[in-house]
Amino acid sequence: MFRASGPASGDLATATTVDKGHGRLERRTIRVSGDLAGYSDMPGLAQVAEVRSAVTTLKTGVTRTQVRYLFTSLPPAQAGPDRLLALSRGHWRIENTLFHVKDDSFGEDRHVLQRRVAGATLCALRNAAMMLLRGPNPLWSETDPMTARSQYLAAQPLAFVTPPAPL
């Protein structure tokens, strides 16, 4: 990974990361400004940023670009462009590892519940199940994906609560 940061034209601070993996080359550049902090009605606004991503598929050479904008209450002293770029990247990691698993493995979006308490109860049970599936267990190896673990337990639900046989 390559990082470059520093002031750009005007008062914008920038940072760039370049990552290569999974058959892709990803270049992310962030431009950050704190100039709107006193002019916006948004409470707590300290900085705004523009994140430009260019993802090139190495096999085909096709490049897909995306521009996103973000705002934060973190002042420049707490979060410079490098940290904001890392935080932005971390947000999508949470989205993909938590919510994607809940939607795919547990079908969370398919349930239509009439009462809030029922939804909250099912959400708590799903969260508990995810924590159990992520933890070490003699029923699966560390390399088994969450979907395989959940499918195994769906087929044999008592396997998780039955104590293992003594050696």
Protein backbone atom coordinates (compact mmCIF):
# COMPACT_ATOMS: atom_id res chain seq x y z
CA MET A 1 0.00 0.00 0.00
CA PHE A 2 1.25 3.46 -0.91
CA ARG A 3 0.25 6.56 1.04
CA ALA A 4 0.88 10.15 0.13
CA SER A 5 -0.53 13.13 1.96
CA GLY A 6 -0.07 16.82 2.28
CA PRO A 7 -1.64 20.10 1.32
CA ALA A 8 -3.08 20.36 -2.15
CA SER A 9 -4.11 23.43 -4.07
CA GLY A 10 -5.88 25.96 -1.83
CA ASP A 11 -6.54 24.88 1.74
CA LEU A 12 -7.46 21.28 0.90
CA ALA A 13 -5.54 18.51 2.62
CA THR A 14 -5.26 15.26 0.65
CA ALA A 15 -4.30 11.64 1.14
CA THR A 16 -4.07 8.77 -1.33
CA THR A 17 -3.93 5.01 -0.88
CA VAL A 18 -3.20 2.42 -3.54
CA ASP A 19 -4.01 -1.24 -2.80
CA LYS A 20 -3.57 -4.28 -5.02
CA GLY A 21 -5.37 -7.53 -4.27
CA HIS A 22 -8.18 -9.86 -5.30
CA GLY A 23 -7.42 -9.13 -8.96
CA ARG A 24 -7.99 -5.39 -8.55
CA LEU A 25 -5.96 -2.23 -8.23
CA GLU A 26 -7.73 0.33 -6.04
CA ARG A 27 -6.70 3.95 -5.76
CA ARG A 28 -8.53 6.16 -3.24
CA THR A 29 -7.93 9.88 -2.89
CA ILE A 30 -9.52 12.09 -0.27
CA ARG A 31 -9.65 15.89 -0.27
CA VAL A 32 -10.60 17.40 3.09
CA SER A 33 -11.61 20.91 4.10
CA GLY A 34 -12.64 22.45 7.40
CA ASP A 35 -13.68 25.77 5.82
CA LEU A 36 -17.43 25.06 6.03
CA ALA A 37 -17.40 24.51 9.80
CA GLY A 38 -18.58 28.03 10.65
CA TYR A 39 -20.87 28.53 7.66
CA SER A 40 -23.12 25.48 7.82
CA ASP A 41 -26.27 24.99 9.89
CA MET A 42 -25.32 21.36 10.46
CA PRO A 43 -24.58 20.96 14.19
CA GLY A 44 -21.09 19.76 15.00
CA LEU A 45 -19.77 19.96 11.44
CA ALA A 46 -15.98 20.18 11.53
CA GLN A 47 -14.85 18.91 8.12
CA VAL A 48 -16.19 17.88 4.73
CA ALA A 49 -14.43 15.55 2.31
CA GLU A 50 -14.56 14.16 -1.20
CA VAL A 51 -13.42 10.55 -1.70
CA ARG A 52 -12.58 9.50 -5.26
CA SER A 53 -12.13 5.78 -5.89
CA ALA A 54 -10.78 4.21 -9.06
CA VAL A 55 -10.91 0.41 -9.16
CA THR A 56 -9.21 -1.32 -12.08
CA THR A 57 -9.89 -5.00 -12.74
CA LEU A 58 -6.47 -6.32 -13.66
CA LYS A 59 -7.77 -9.14 -15.86
CA THR A 60 -9.85 -6.89 -18.12
CA GLY A 61 -8.24 -3.49 -17.60
CA VAL A 62 -11.67 -1.95 -16.99
CA THR A 63 -11.67 0.93 -14.51
CA ARG A 64 -14.72 1.89 -12.46
CA THR A 65 -14.69 5.27 -10.72
CA GLN A 66 -16.84 6.55 -7.89
CA VAL A 67 -17.05 9.85 -6.03
CA ARG A 68 -18.50 10.03 -2.51
CA TYR A 69 -18.84 12.94 -0.13
CA LEU A 70 -18.70 12.79 3.62
CA PHE A 71 -18.85 15.08 6.59
CA THR A 72 -17.60 14.64 10.13
CA SER A 73 -17.61 16.25 13.54
CA LEU A 74 -13.93 15.28 14.01
CA PRO A 75 -11.69 18.35 13.83
CA PRO A 76 -8.51 18.31 11.71
CA ALA A 77 -6.36 17.85 14.83
CA GLN A 78 -8.14 14.55 15.59
CA ALA A 79 -8.64 13.28 12.05
CA GLY A 80 -6.42 14.36 9.22
CA PRO A 81 -6.93 13.13 5.67
CA ASP A 82 -5.13 9.81 6.28
CA ARG A 83 -7.36 8.93 9.24
CA LEU A 84 -10.56 10.04 7.51
CA LEU A 85 -9.70 7.88 4.51
CA ALA A 86 -9.11 4.89 6.81
CA LEU A 87 -12.38 5.56 8.69
CA SER A 88 -14.27 5.77 5.42
CA ARG A 89 -12.81 2.44 4.32
CA GLY A 90 -13.60 0.90 7.73
CA HIS A 91 -17.26 1.87 7.44
CA TRP A 92 -17.71 -0.36 4.39
CA ARG A 93 -15.91 -3.23 6.14
CA ILE A 94 -18.56 -3.13 8.86
CA GLU A 95 -21.31 -2.94 6.26
CA ASN A 96 -19.98 -5.96 4.36
CA THR A 97 -19.04 -8.17 7.33
CA LEU A 98 -22.01 -7.49 9.57
CA PHE A 99 -25.07 -6.44 7.62
CA HIS A 100 -24.33 -8.58 4.57
CA VAL A 101 -24.06 -11.68 6.79
CA LYS A 102 -27.29 -10.81 8.61
CA ASP A 103 -29.12 -10.38 5.30
CA ASP A 104 -27.70 -13.44 3.52
CA SER A 105 -27.20 -15.99 6.29
CA PHE A 106 -30.14 -15.07 8.48
CA GLY A 107 -32.55 -13.56 5.95
CA GLU A 108 -33.11 -10.50 8.12
CA ASP A 109 -34.64 -8.39 5.33
CA ARG A 110 -37.18 -11.08 4.43
CA HIS A 111 -39.00 -10.87 7.77
CA VAL A 112 -41.99 -8.57 8.09
CA LEU A 113 -42.92 -8.07 11.72
CA GLN A 114 -45.84 -6.06 13.03
CA ARG A 115 -44.41 -5.25 16.44
CA ARG A 116 -41.22 -3.44 17.30
CA VAL A 117 -40.46 -5.71 20.26
CA ALA A 118 -40.60 -8.80 18.00
CA GLY A 119 -38.10 -7.23 15.61
CA ALA A 120 -35.79 -6.23 18.46
CA THR A 121 -35.96 -9.75 19.92
CA LEU A 122 -35.14 -11.41 16.60
CA CYS A 123 -32.29 -8.94 16.03
CA ALA A 124 -30.82 -9.80 19.45
CA LEU A 125 -31.08 -13.52 18.71
CA ARG A 126 -29.38 -13.06 15.32
CA ASN A 127 -26.58 -11.05 16.92
CA ALA A 128 -26.06 -13.76 19.54
CA ALA A 129 -26.03 -16.44 16.83
CA MET A 130 -23.44 -14.48 14.83
CA MET A 131 -21.18 -14.20 17.88
CA LEU A 132 -21.45 -17.96 18.47
CA LEU A 133 -20.72 -18.69 14.81
CA ARG A 134 -17.69 -16.40 14.76
CA GLY A 135 -16.14 -17.95 17.84
CA PRO A 136 -13.91 -21.03 17.88
CA ASN A 137 -15.78 -24.32 17.97
CA PRO A 138 -14.79 -27.96 17.38
CA LEU A 139 -17.69 -28.24 14.90
CA TRP A 140 -15.85 -26.18 12.24
CA SER A 141 -12.42 -24.94 11.27
CA GLU A 142 -11.36 -21.31 11.39
CA THR A 143 -11.39 -21.18 7.57
CA ASP A 144 -15.03 -22.26 7.19
CA PRO A 145 -17.15 -19.29 6.03
CA MET A 146 -20.07 -18.03 8.12
CA THR A 147 -22.57 -19.32 5.57
CA ALA A 148 -21.20 -22.87 5.83
CA ARG A 149 -21.29 -22.70 9.63
CA SER A 150 -24.88 -21.46 9.68
CA GLN A 151 -25.99 -24.07 7.12
CA TYR A 152 -24.40 -26.83 9.22
CA LEU A 153 -26.25 -25.68 12.32
CA ALA A 154 -29.51 -25.22 10.42
CA ALA A 155 -29.30 -28.89 9.39
CA GLN A 156 -28.24 -30.06 12.87
CA PRO A 157 -29.51 -27.49 15.40
CA LEU A 158 -28.80 -29.60 18.48
CA ALA A 159 -25.13 -30.05 17.54
CA PHE A 160 -24.26 -26.70 19.08
CA VAL A 161 -25.89 -27.33 22.46
CA THR A 162 -24.88 -31.00 22.79
CA PRO A 163 -21.58 -31.40 24.67
CA PRO A 164 -18.83 -33.07 22.65
CA ALA A 165 -18.10 -36.70 23.39
CA PRO A 166 -15.08 -37.27 25.69
CA LEU A 167 -11.88 -38.42 23.99
